[in-house]
Amino acid sequence: MNNTKCLTNARHQDSERRRAKVLAALDQLAARGDDISISAVSRAAGVHRSLIYRHPDLHAAVTARAAAEPPPGTAAGPSASKQSLIADIANLTDRIRRQDTHIRQLEQRLAEALGEQVWQQAGLGGPPDHDALQKRVSHLEQHIIELRQQLADRDDDLDAARAANRQLMASLNTAKDKP
């Protein structure tokens, strides 16, 4: 149990050290007026980008600092501000998500339509008069039940006739034996 605590503490300290490196690199890039992005901050801090993406507070700090206006006295950049470009990227990302969802829905509908078409061409699809055939099946099943009942009745009649025949034969045989 003591080893587990030591490992947990070491992992926690390493995580805090890497987080501090990211925040320090972010401050350095902002102070120098360098371009701020997830990649630039991760390079400057010597950590992998996934660390920043996995921690929402670090990701938010980098995004907020990237969206901030450049400090006064820096050269006027392009005509579009960083904030508007970041907003455009966010809007485009949202649009891509919506389009991906729409494409998945269309692919699903297409797959169902093609599947139905192949099903019909293979002769496996249900016939158009399914209800009529279902009624016919029910009617035939009822007819089978009636025929089985008639067969059972005839078997009973035949058994009775055989029994009567045996009695008659027995009577005849006993009458022949008497002189």
N, C-alpha and C. Protein backbone atom coordinates (compact mmCIF):
# COMPACT_ATOMS: atom_id res chain seq x y z
N MET A 1 0.83 -1.18 0.00
CA MET A 1 0.00 0.00 0.00
C MET A 1 0.88 1.25 0.00
N ASN A 2 2.00 1.21 0.69
CA ASN A 2 2.89 2.35 0.78
C ASN A 2 3.50 2.66 -0.59
N ASN A 3 3.82 1.60 -1.36
CA ASN A 3 4.35 1.81 -2.70
C ASN A 3 3.33 2.50 -3.59
N THR A 4 2.07 2.15 -3.42
CA THR A 4 1.01 2.77 -4.22
C THR A 4 0.93 4.25 -3.94
N LYS A 5 1.04 4.62 -2.67
CA LYS A 5 1.00 6.05 -2.32
C LYS A 5 2.19 6.78 -2.91
N CYS A 6 3.36 6.16 -2.87
CA CYS A 6 4.55 6.79 -3.43
C CYS A 6 4.40 7.00 -4.93
N LEU A 7 3.89 5.97 -5.62
CA LEU A 7 3.69 6.10 -7.06
C LEU A 7 2.65 7.15 -7.39
N THR A 8 1.58 7.18 -6.63
CA THR A 8 0.53 8.18 -6.84
C THR A 8 1.07 9.59 -6.63
N ASN A 9 1.84 9.77 -5.57
CA ASN A 9 2.42 11.09 -5.30
C ASN A 9 3.39 11.50 -6.39
N ALA A 10 4.22 10.56 -6.86
CA ALA A 10 5.18 10.87 -7.92
C ALA A 10 4.44 11.25 -9.21
N ARG A 11 3.39 10.53 -9.52
CA ARG A 11 2.60 10.84 -10.73
C ARG A 11 1.95 12.22 -10.61
N HIS A 12 1.42 12.52 -9.45
CA HIS A 12 0.79 13.82 -9.21
C HIS A 12 1.82 14.96 -9.34
N GLN A 13 3.01 14.76 -8.78
CA GLN A 13 4.06 15.78 -8.87
C GLN A 13 4.50 15.99 -10.31
N ASP A 14 4.63 14.88 -11.08
CA ASP A 14 5.01 14.98 -12.48
C ASP A 14 3.95 15.74 -13.27
N SER A 15 2.71 15.45 -12.99
CA SER A 15 1.61 16.14 -13.68
C SER A 15 1.63 17.63 -13.37
N GLU A 16 1.82 17.97 -12.12
CA GLU A 16 1.88 19.39 -11.73
C GLU A 16 3.07 20.09 -12.37
N ARG A 17 4.20 19.39 -12.45
CA ARG A 17 5.40 19.97 -13.07
C ARG A 17 5.14 20.26 -14.55
N ARG A 18 4.54 19.32 -15.25
CA ARG A 18 4.26 19.53 -16.68
C ARG A 18 3.22 20.63 -16.90
N ARG A 19 2.22 20.71 -16.04
CA ARG A 19 1.22 21.78 -16.14
C ARG A 19 1.88 23.14 -15.94
N ALA A 20 2.80 23.22 -14.95
CA ALA A 20 3.50 24.48 -14.69
C ALA A 20 4.36 24.86 -15.89
N LYS A 21 4.98 23.86 -16.54
CA LYS A 21 5.79 24.15 -17.74
C LYS A 21 4.92 24.71 -18.86
N VAL A 22 3.71 24.17 -19.02
CA VAL A 22 2.81 24.67 -20.07
C VAL A 22 2.42 26.11 -19.79
N LEU A 23 2.05 26.40 -18.55
CA LEU A 23 1.63 27.77 -18.21
C LEU A 23 2.80 28.76 -18.34
N ALA A 24 4.01 28.33 -17.96
CA ALA A 24 5.19 29.20 -18.09
C ALA A 24 5.49 29.44 -19.57
N ALA A 25 5.41 28.42 -20.39
CA ALA A 25 5.65 28.58 -21.83
C ALA A 25 4.61 29.50 -22.44
N LEU A 26 3.38 29.40 -22.00
CA LEU A 26 2.32 30.27 -22.49
C LEU A 26 2.62 31.72 -22.15
N ASP A 27 3.07 31.97 -20.93
CA ASP A 27 3.43 33.34 -20.52
C ASP A 27 4.61 33.85 -21.33
N GLN A 28 5.61 33.01 -21.57
CA GLN A 28 6.78 33.43 -22.34
C GLN A 28 6.41 33.79 -23.78
N LEU A 29 5.60 32.94 -24.40
CA LEU A 29 5.19 33.23 -25.78
C LEU A 29 4.40 34.53 -25.85
N ALA A 30 3.52 34.75 -24.89
CA ALA A 30 2.72 35.98 -24.89
C ALA A 30 3.60 37.20 -24.65
N ALA A 31 4.59 37.08 -23.75
CA ALA A 31 5.48 38.21 -23.45
C ALA A 31 6.33 38.57 -24.67
N ARG A 32 6.75 37.59 -25.43
CA ARG A 32 7.58 37.86 -26.62
C ARG A 32 6.73 38.29 -27.81
N GLY A 33 5.40 38.10 -27.71
CA GLY A 33 4.52 38.47 -28.82
C GLY A 33 4.51 37.43 -29.91
N ASP A 34 4.96 36.23 -29.59
CA ASP A 34 4.96 35.14 -30.57
C ASP A 34 3.53 34.65 -30.81
N ASP A 35 3.38 33.94 -31.90
CA ASP A 35 2.09 33.36 -32.22
C ASP A 35 1.78 32.27 -31.20
N ILE A 36 0.57 32.27 -30.69
CA ILE A 36 0.18 31.30 -29.66
C ILE A 36 -0.78 30.29 -30.27
N SER A 37 -0.39 29.03 -30.18
CA SER A 37 -1.23 27.91 -30.61
C SER A 37 -0.91 26.73 -29.72
N ILE A 38 -1.73 25.70 -29.81
CA ILE A 38 -1.49 24.50 -29.00
C ILE A 38 -0.12 23.92 -29.33
N SER A 39 0.19 23.84 -30.62
CA SER A 39 1.48 23.28 -31.03
C SER A 39 2.64 24.12 -30.54
N ALA A 40 2.52 25.45 -30.67
CA ALA A 40 3.61 26.33 -30.25
C ALA A 40 3.84 26.22 -28.74
N VAL A 41 2.78 26.19 -27.97
CA VAL A 41 2.91 26.10 -26.51
C VAL A 41 3.50 24.75 -26.12
N SER A 42 3.04 23.67 -26.75
CA SER A 42 3.56 22.35 -26.39
C SER A 42 5.04 22.23 -26.75
N ARG A 43 5.44 22.81 -27.90
CA ARG A 43 6.87 22.80 -28.27
C ARG A 43 7.69 23.58 -27.25
N ALA A 44 7.21 24.77 -26.90
CA ALA A 44 7.96 25.61 -25.96
C ALA A 44 8.04 24.96 -24.57
N ALA A 45 7.02 24.24 -24.17
CA ALA A 45 7.01 23.61 -22.84
C ALA A 45 7.70 22.25 -22.85
N GLY A 46 7.90 21.68 -24.02
CA GLY A 46 8.53 20.36 -24.10
C GLY A 46 7.60 19.23 -23.69
N VAL A 47 6.31 19.41 -23.98
CA VAL A 47 5.32 18.38 -23.66
C VAL A 47 4.55 18.04 -24.94
N HIS A 48 3.83 16.96 -24.90
CA HIS A 48 3.03 16.57 -26.06
C HIS A 48 1.73 17.37 -26.09
N ARG A 49 1.22 17.64 -27.29
CA ARG A 49 -0.03 18.41 -27.45
C ARG A 49 -1.20 17.76 -26.72
N SER A 50 -1.19 16.44 -26.66
CA SER A 50 -2.32 15.75 -26.04
C SER A 50 -2.48 16.13 -24.57
N LEU A 51 -1.39 16.52 -23.91
CA LEU A 51 -1.49 16.97 -22.52
C LEU A 51 -2.41 18.19 -22.42
N ILE A 52 -2.23 19.11 -23.34
CA ILE A 52 -3.05 20.32 -23.33
C ILE A 52 -4.50 19.99 -23.68
N TYR A 53 -4.70 19.10 -24.63
CA TYR A 53 -6.06 18.73 -25.02
C TYR A 53 -6.77 17.95 -23.91
N ARG A 54 -6.02 17.14 -23.15
CA ARG A 54 -6.64 16.34 -22.08
C ARG A 54 -7.05 17.17 -20.87
N HIS A 55 -6.44 18.34 -20.69
CA HIS A 55 -6.77 19.18 -19.54
C HIS A 55 -7.55 20.40 -20.03
N PRO A 56 -8.85 20.42 -19.81
CA PRO A 56 -9.67 21.50 -20.33
C PRO A 56 -9.23 22.88 -19.86
N ASP A 57 -8.72 22.99 -18.64
CA ASP A 57 -8.29 24.30 -18.16
C ASP A 57 -7.06 24.80 -18.92
N LEU A 58 -6.12 23.90 -19.24
CA LEU A 58 -4.96 24.30 -20.04
C LEU A 58 -5.39 24.66 -21.46
N HIS A 59 -6.26 23.87 -22.03
CA HIS A 59 -6.74 24.14 -23.38
C HIS A 59 -7.45 25.49 -23.43
N ALA A 60 -8.27 25.77 -22.42
CA ALA A 60 -8.98 27.04 -22.37
C ALA A 60 -8.00 28.21 -22.20
N ALA A 61 -6.96 28.02 -21.41
CA ALA A 61 -5.97 29.08 -21.21
C ALA A 61 -5.24 29.39 -22.51
N VAL A 62 -4.85 28.37 -23.24
CA VAL A 62 -4.14 28.58 -24.52
C VAL A 62 -5.08 29.24 -25.52
N THR A 63 -6.32 28.76 -25.59
CA THR A 63 -7.28 29.33 -26.53
C THR A 63 -7.59 30.79 -26.19
N ALA A 64 -7.75 31.07 -24.91
CA ALA A 64 -8.05 32.45 -24.50
C ALA A 64 -6.88 33.37 -24.81
N ARG A 65 -5.67 32.91 -24.53
CA ARG A 65 -4.49 33.74 -24.79
C ARG A 65 -4.30 33.93 -26.28
N ALA A 66 -4.62 32.90 -27.08
CA ALA A 66 -4.49 33.02 -28.53
C ALA A 66 -5.52 33.99 -29.09
N ALA A 67 -6.68 34.06 -28.45
CA ALA A 67 -7.74 34.95 -28.93
C ALA A 67 -7.53 36.39 -28.47
N ALA A 68 -6.67 36.60 -27.47
CA ALA A 68 -6.46 37.95 -26.95
C ALA A 68 -5.81 38.84 -28.02
N GLU A 69 -6.14 40.11 -27.93
CA GLU A 69 -5.56 41.08 -28.86
C GLU A 69 -4.05 41.14 -28.62
N PRO A 70 -3.29 41.40 -29.67
CA PRO A 70 -1.84 41.54 -29.47
C PRO A 70 -1.56 42.76 -28.58
N PRO A 71 -0.47 42.69 -27.81
CA PRO A 71 -0.16 43.82 -26.94
C PRO A 71 0.06 45.10 -27.73
N PRO A 72 -0.23 46.25 -27.11
CA PRO A 72 -0.06 47.50 -27.84
C PRO A 72 1.39 47.69 -28.25
N GLY A 73 1.56 48.33 -29.39
CA GLY A 73 2.90 48.60 -29.88
C GLY A 73 3.41 47.52 -30.81
N THR A 74 2.66 46.45 -31.00
CA THR A 74 3.11 45.42 -31.93
C THR A 74 2.63 45.80 -33.32
N ALA A 75 3.25 45.23 -34.29
CA ALA A 75 2.92 45.55 -35.68
C ALA A 75 1.49 45.14 -35.99
N ALA A 76 0.82 45.96 -36.79
CA ALA A 76 -0.53 45.64 -37.20
C ALA A 76 -0.48 44.42 -38.11
N GLY A 77 -1.21 43.42 -37.78
CA GLY A 77 -1.17 42.17 -38.52
C GLY A 77 -2.11 42.21 -39.70
N PRO A 78 -2.57 41.10 -40.07
CA PRO A 78 -3.50 41.02 -41.20
C PRO A 78 -4.80 41.74 -40.87
N SER A 79 -5.59 41.93 -41.89
CA SER A 79 -6.82 42.69 -41.71
C SER A 79 -7.84 41.94 -40.85
N ALA A 80 -7.75 40.64 -40.79
CA ALA A 80 -8.64 39.86 -39.94
C ALA A 80 -7.98 39.66 -38.58
N SER A 81 -8.73 39.89 -37.53
CA SER A 81 -8.15 39.72 -36.19
C SER A 81 -8.09 38.24 -35.84
N LYS A 82 -7.27 37.95 -34.86
CA LYS A 82 -7.16 36.58 -34.39
C LYS A 82 -8.48 36.09 -33.84
N GLN A 83 -9.19 36.98 -33.16
CA GLN A 83 -10.48 36.59 -32.59
C GLN A 83 -11.45 36.17 -33.67
N SER A 84 -11.48 36.92 -34.76
CA SER A 84 -12.41 36.56 -35.83
C SER A 84 -11.99 35.26 -36.50
N LEU A 85 -10.69 35.04 -36.64
CA LEU A 85 -10.22 33.79 -37.24
C LEU A 85 -10.56 32.59 -36.34
N ILE A 86 -10.39 32.78 -35.03
CA ILE A 86 -10.71 31.70 -34.10
C ILE A 86 -12.22 31.43 -34.11
N ALA A 87 -13.01 32.50 -34.19
CA ALA A 87 -14.46 32.32 -34.28
C ALA A 87 -14.84 31.60 -35.56
N ASP A 88 -14.15 31.97 -36.66
CA ASP A 88 -14.41 31.28 -37.93
C ASP A 88 -14.07 29.79 -37.82
N ILE A 89 -12.95 29.49 -37.20
CA ILE A 89 -12.55 28.09 -37.04
C ILE A 89 -13.59 27.34 -36.21
N ALA A 90 -14.06 27.95 -35.12
CA ALA A 90 -15.07 27.31 -34.27
C ALA A 90 -16.36 27.07 -35.06
N ASN A 91 -16.76 28.07 -35.85
CA ASN A 91 -17.97 27.92 -36.67
C ASN A 91 -17.81 26.83 -37.71
N LEU A 92 -16.64 26.79 -38.35
CA LEU A 92 -16.41 25.76 -39.36
C LEU A 92 -16.35 24.37 -38.74
N THR A 93 -15.77 24.27 -37.56
CA THR A 93 -15.72 22.99 -36.87
C THR A 93 -17.12 22.51 -36.55
N ASP A 94 -17.96 23.41 -36.08
CA ASP A 94 -19.35 23.06 -35.78
C ASP A 94 -20.08 22.64 -37.06
N ARG A 95 -19.83 23.37 -38.14
CA ARG A 95 -20.47 23.04 -39.42
C ARG A 95 -20.02 21.66 -39.90
N ILE A 96 -18.75 21.36 -39.74
CA ILE A 96 -18.24 20.04 -40.15
C ILE A 96 -18.92 18.95 -39.33
N ARG A 97 -19.09 19.18 -38.04
CA ARG A 97 -19.77 18.19 -37.20
C ARG A 97 -21.19 17.95 -37.68
N ARG A 98 -21.90 19.05 -37.99
CA ARG A 98 -23.27 18.90 -38.48
C ARG A 98 -23.29 18.15 -39.81
N GLN A 99 -22.36 18.47 -40.70
CA GLN A 99 -22.31 17.79 -41.99
C GLN A 99 -21.96 16.32 -41.83
N ASP A 100 -21.05 16.01 -40.91
CA ASP A 100 -20.72 14.61 -40.65
C ASP A 100 -21.95 13.84 -40.18
N THR A 101 -22.73 14.45 -39.29
CA THR A 101 -23.95 13.81 -38.81
C THR A 101 -24.93 13.59 -39.96
N HIS A 102 -25.08 14.60 -40.79
CA HIS A 102 -25.99 14.51 -41.93
C HIS A 102 -25.51 13.43 -42.91
N ILE A 103 -24.21 13.37 -43.15
CA ILE A 103 -23.66 12.37 -44.06
C ILE A 103 -23.90 10.96 -43.51
N ARG A 104 -23.70 10.78 -42.21
CA ARG A 104 -23.95 9.46 -41.61
C ARG A 104 -25.41 9.06 -41.77
N GLN A 105 -26.33 10.02 -41.59
CA GLN A 105 -27.74 9.72 -41.76
C GLN A 105 -28.05 9.34 -43.20
N LEU A 106 -27.47 10.08 -44.16
CA LEU A 106 -27.70 9.77 -45.57
C LEU A 106 -27.10 8.42 -45.94
N GLU A 107 -25.92 8.11 -45.41
CA GLU A 107 -25.31 6.82 -45.68
C GLU A 107 -26.18 5.69 -45.13
N GLN A 108 -26.77 5.90 -43.97
CA GLN A 108 -27.65 4.88 -43.38
C GLN A 108 -28.88 4.67 -44.25
N ARG A 109 -29.48 5.77 -44.70
CA ARG A 109 -30.66 5.65 -45.56
C ARG A 109 -30.31 4.97 -46.89
N LEU A 110 -29.15 5.32 -47.46
CA LEU A 110 -28.71 4.70 -48.71
C LEU A 110 -28.47 3.21 -48.52
N ALA A 111 -27.83 2.86 -47.41
CA ALA A 111 -27.57 1.44 -47.14
C ALA A 111 -28.88 0.67 -47.02
N GLU A 112 -29.86 1.26 -46.35
CA GLU A 112 -31.16 0.60 -46.21
C GLU A 112 -31.84 0.45 -47.56
N ALA A 113 -31.79 1.50 -48.39
CA ALA A 113 -32.43 1.45 -49.71
C ALA A 113 -31.74 0.42 -50.60
N LEU A 114 -30.42 0.41 -50.61
CA LEU A 114 -29.70 -0.56 -51.43
C LEU A 114 -29.92 -1.98 -50.92
N GLY A 115 -29.97 -2.13 -49.61
CA GLY A 115 -30.23 -3.44 -49.04
C GLY A 115 -31.60 -3.96 -49.44
N GLU A 116 -32.60 -3.09 -49.41
CA GLU A 116 -33.95 -3.48 -49.81
C GLU A 116 -33.97 -3.85 -51.29
N GLN A 117 -33.25 -3.07 -52.11
CA GLN A 117 -33.21 -3.35 -53.54
C GLN A 117 -32.55 -4.71 -53.82
N VAL A 118 -31.44 -4.98 -53.17
CA VAL A 118 -30.77 -6.27 -53.35
C VAL A 118 -31.66 -7.40 -52.84
N TRP A 119 -32.34 -7.16 -51.73
CA TRP A 119 -33.24 -8.15 -51.14
C TRP A 119 -34.34 -8.51 -52.15
N GLN A 120 -34.90 -7.50 -52.80
CA GLN A 120 -35.96 -7.74 -53.78
C GLN A 120 -35.42 -8.46 -55.01
N GLN A 121 -34.24 -8.04 -55.51
CA GLN A 121 -33.66 -8.65 -56.71
C GLN A 121 -33.27 -10.10 -56.47
N ALA A 122 -32.89 -10.42 -55.27
CA ALA A 122 -32.50 -11.79 -54.95
C ALA A 122 -33.72 -12.69 -54.76
N GLY A 123 -34.90 -12.09 -54.75
CA GLY A 123 -36.12 -12.87 -54.57
C GLY A 123 -36.39 -13.20 -53.12
N LEU A 124 -35.69 -12.55 -52.23
CA LEU A 124 -35.86 -12.82 -50.82
C LEU A 124 -36.85 -11.87 -50.17
N GLY A 125 -37.16 -10.80 -50.86
CA GLY A 125 -38.07 -9.81 -50.30
C GLY A 125 -39.49 -10.33 -50.21
N GLY A 126 -40.21 -9.76 -49.30
CA GLY A 126 -41.60 -10.15 -49.13
C GLY A 126 -42.42 -9.76 -50.34
N PRO A 127 -43.37 -10.61 -50.73
CA PRO A 127 -44.22 -10.28 -51.87
C PRO A 127 -45.14 -9.11 -51.53
N PRO A 128 -45.60 -8.40 -52.55
CA PRO A 128 -46.45 -7.24 -52.28
C PRO A 128 -47.79 -7.60 -51.65
N ASP A 129 -48.28 -8.83 -51.87
CA ASP A 129 -49.58 -9.22 -51.32
C ASP A 129 -49.39 -10.08 -50.06
N HIS A 130 -48.59 -9.64 -49.19
CA HIS A 130 -48.23 -10.36 -47.97
C HIS A 130 -49.46 -10.65 -47.12
N ASP A 131 -50.36 -9.69 -46.98
CA ASP A 131 -51.54 -9.89 -46.15
C ASP A 131 -52.44 -10.98 -46.72
N ALA A 132 -52.61 -11.00 -48.03
CA ALA A 132 -53.45 -12.02 -48.66
C ALA A 132 -52.84 -13.40 -48.45
N LEU A 133 -51.53 -13.48 -48.59
CA LEU A 133 -50.88 -14.78 -48.39
C LEU A 133 -50.98 -15.22 -46.93
N GLN A 134 -50.89 -14.29 -46.02
CA GLN A 134 -51.01 -14.62 -44.60
C GLN A 134 -52.41 -15.16 -44.30
N LYS A 135 -53.43 -14.56 -44.89
CA LYS A 135 -54.80 -15.06 -44.71
C LYS A 135 -54.94 -16.45 -45.30
N ARG A 136 -54.33 -16.67 -46.45
CA ARG A 136 -54.39 -17.98 -47.11
C ARG A 136 -53.72 -19.03 -46.22
N VAL A 137 -52.58 -18.70 -45.62
CA VAL A 137 -51.89 -19.63 -44.73
C VAL A 137 -52.78 -19.97 -43.54
N SER A 138 -53.42 -18.96 -42.96
CA SER A 138 -54.32 -19.21 -41.82
C SER A 138 -55.47 -20.12 -42.23
N HIS A 139 -56.03 -19.88 -43.41
CA HIS A 139 -57.13 -20.71 -43.90
C HIS A 139 -56.67 -22.16 -44.09
N LEU A 140 -55.49 -22.35 -44.69
CA LEU A 140 -54.97 -23.69 -44.92
C LEU A 140 -54.65 -24.40 -43.60
N GLU A 141 -54.15 -23.67 -42.64
CA GLU A 141 -53.87 -24.28 -41.33
C GLU A 141 -55.17 -24.76 -40.69
N GLN A 142 -56.24 -23.96 -40.79
CA GLN A 142 -57.54 -24.36 -40.25
C GLN A 142 -58.06 -25.59 -40.98
N HIS A 143 -57.87 -25.64 -42.30
CA HIS A 143 -58.31 -26.77 -43.10
C HIS A 143 -57.55 -28.04 -42.68
N ILE A 144 -56.27 -27.92 -42.40
CA ILE A 144 -55.47 -29.06 -41.93
C ILE A 144 -56.02 -29.59 -40.62
N ILE A 145 -56.39 -28.68 -39.72
CA ILE A 145 -56.95 -29.10 -38.43
C ILE A 145 -58.25 -29.88 -38.64
N GLU A 146 -59.11 -29.38 -39.54
CA GLU A 146 -60.38 -30.06 -39.83
C GLU A 146 -60.13 -31.44 -40.44
N LEU A 147 -59.18 -31.53 -41.38
CA LEU A 147 -58.89 -32.82 -42.01
C LEU A 147 -58.33 -33.81 -41.01
N ARG A 148 -57.52 -33.35 -40.09
CA ARG A 148 -56.97 -34.24 -39.06
C ARG A 148 -58.10 -34.76 -38.17
N GLN A 149 -59.07 -33.92 -37.87
CA GLN A 149 -60.21 -34.35 -37.05
C GLN A 149 -61.03 -35.39 -37.80
N GLN A 150 -61.25 -35.14 -39.10
CA GLN A 150 -61.99 -36.13 -39.91
C GLN A 150 -61.24 -37.46 -39.96
N LEU A 151 -59.94 -37.40 -40.09
CA LEU A 151 -59.13 -38.61 -40.12
C LEU A 151 -59.22 -39.36 -38.80
N ALA A 152 -59.17 -38.63 -37.70
CA ALA A 152 -59.29 -39.26 -36.39
C ALA A 152 -60.66 -39.91 -36.25
N ASP A 153 -61.73 -39.24 -36.71
CA ASP A 153 -63.08 -39.83 -36.64
C ASP A 153 -63.15 -41.12 -37.47
N ARG A 154 -62.57 -41.12 -38.64
CA ARG A 154 -62.60 -42.29 -39.51
C ARG A 154 -61.77 -43.43 -38.92
N ASP A 155 -60.66 -43.06 -38.29
CA ASP A 155 -59.86 -44.09 -37.61
C ASP A 155 -60.68 -44.75 -36.51
N ASP A 156 -61.46 -43.94 -35.76
CA ASP A 156 -62.32 -44.50 -34.71
C ASP A 156 -63.39 -45.43 -35.32
N ASP A 157 -63.99 -44.98 -36.43
CA ASP A 157 -64.99 -45.81 -37.11
C ASP A 157 -64.38 -47.12 -37.60
N LEU A 158 -63.18 -47.02 -38.16
CA LEU A 158 -62.50 -48.22 -38.66
C LEU A 158 -62.17 -49.17 -37.52
N ASP A 159 -61.72 -48.64 -36.41
CA ASP A 159 -61.43 -49.49 -35.24
C ASP A 159 -62.70 -50.19 -34.75
N ALA A 160 -63.82 -49.45 -34.75
CA ALA A 160 -65.10 -50.06 -34.32
C ALA A 160 -65.52 -51.15 -35.29
N ALA A 161 -65.34 -50.90 -36.59
CA ALA A 161 -65.71 -51.89 -37.60
C ALA A 161 -64.84 -53.12 -37.46
N ARG A 162 -63.59 -52.95 -37.21
CA ARG A 162 -62.68 -54.09 -37.04
C ARG A 162 -63.07 -54.91 -35.81
N ALA A 163 -63.42 -54.20 -34.74
CA ALA A 163 -63.84 -54.92 -33.52
C ALA A 163 -65.11 -55.72 -33.79
N ALA A 164 -66.07 -55.12 -34.51
CA ALA A 164 -67.31 -55.82 -34.84
C ALA A 164 -67.02 -57.02 -35.74
N ASN A 165 -66.14 -56.85 -36.68
CA ASN A 165 -65.75 -57.92 -37.59
C ASN A 165 -65.12 -59.07 -36.81
N ARG A 166 -64.27 -58.76 -35.85
CA ARG A 166 -63.65 -59.81 -35.03
C ARG A 166 -64.71 -60.59 -34.25
N GLN A 167 -65.70 -59.85 -33.71
CA GLN A 167 -66.76 -60.52 -32.94
C GLN A 167 -67.58 -61.44 -33.85
N LEU A 168 -67.90 -60.94 -35.05
CA LEU A 168 -68.66 -61.77 -35.99
C LEU A 168 -67.89 -63.02 -36.38
N MET A 169 -66.64 -62.84 -36.66
CA MET A 169 -65.81 -63.98 -37.05
C MET A 169 -65.70 -64.98 -35.90
N ALA A 170 -65.57 -64.44 -34.71
CA ALA A 170 -65.49 -65.33 -33.54
C ALA A 170 -66.81 -66.08 -33.38
N SER A 171 -67.94 -65.39 -33.60
CA SER A 171 -69.25 -66.04 -33.49
C SER A 171 -69.40 -67.12 -34.55
N LEU A 172 -69.00 -66.80 -35.76
CA LEU A 172 -69.11 -67.77 -36.84
C LEU A 172 -68.22 -69.00 -36.56
N ASN A 173 -67.06 -68.73 -36.10
CA ASN A 173 -66.14 -69.84 -35.82
C ASN A 173 -66.67 -70.72 -34.71
N THR A 174 -67.28 -70.16 -33.70
CA THR A 174 -67.82 -70.98 -32.61
C THR A 174 -69.07 -71.73 -33.08
N ALA A 175 -69.87 -71.14 -34.02
CA ALA A 175 -71.07 -71.81 -34.54
C ALA A 175 -70.68 -72.98 -35.42
N LYS A 176 -69.61 -72.94 -36.15
CA LYS A 176 -69.15 -74.04 -37.01
C LYS A 176 -68.66 -75.21 -36.16
N ASP A 177 -68.07 -74.88 -35.05
CA ASP A 177 -67.53 -75.92 -34.20
C ASP A 177 -68.64 -76.70 -33.50
N LYS A 178 -69.80 -76.19 -33.35
CA LYS A 178 -70.93 -76.90 -32.67
C LYS A 178 -71.66 -77.72 -33.72
N PRO A 179 -71.87 -79.04 -33.52
CA PRO A 179 -72.59 -79.88 -34.50
C PRO A 179 -74.05 -79.81 -34.40
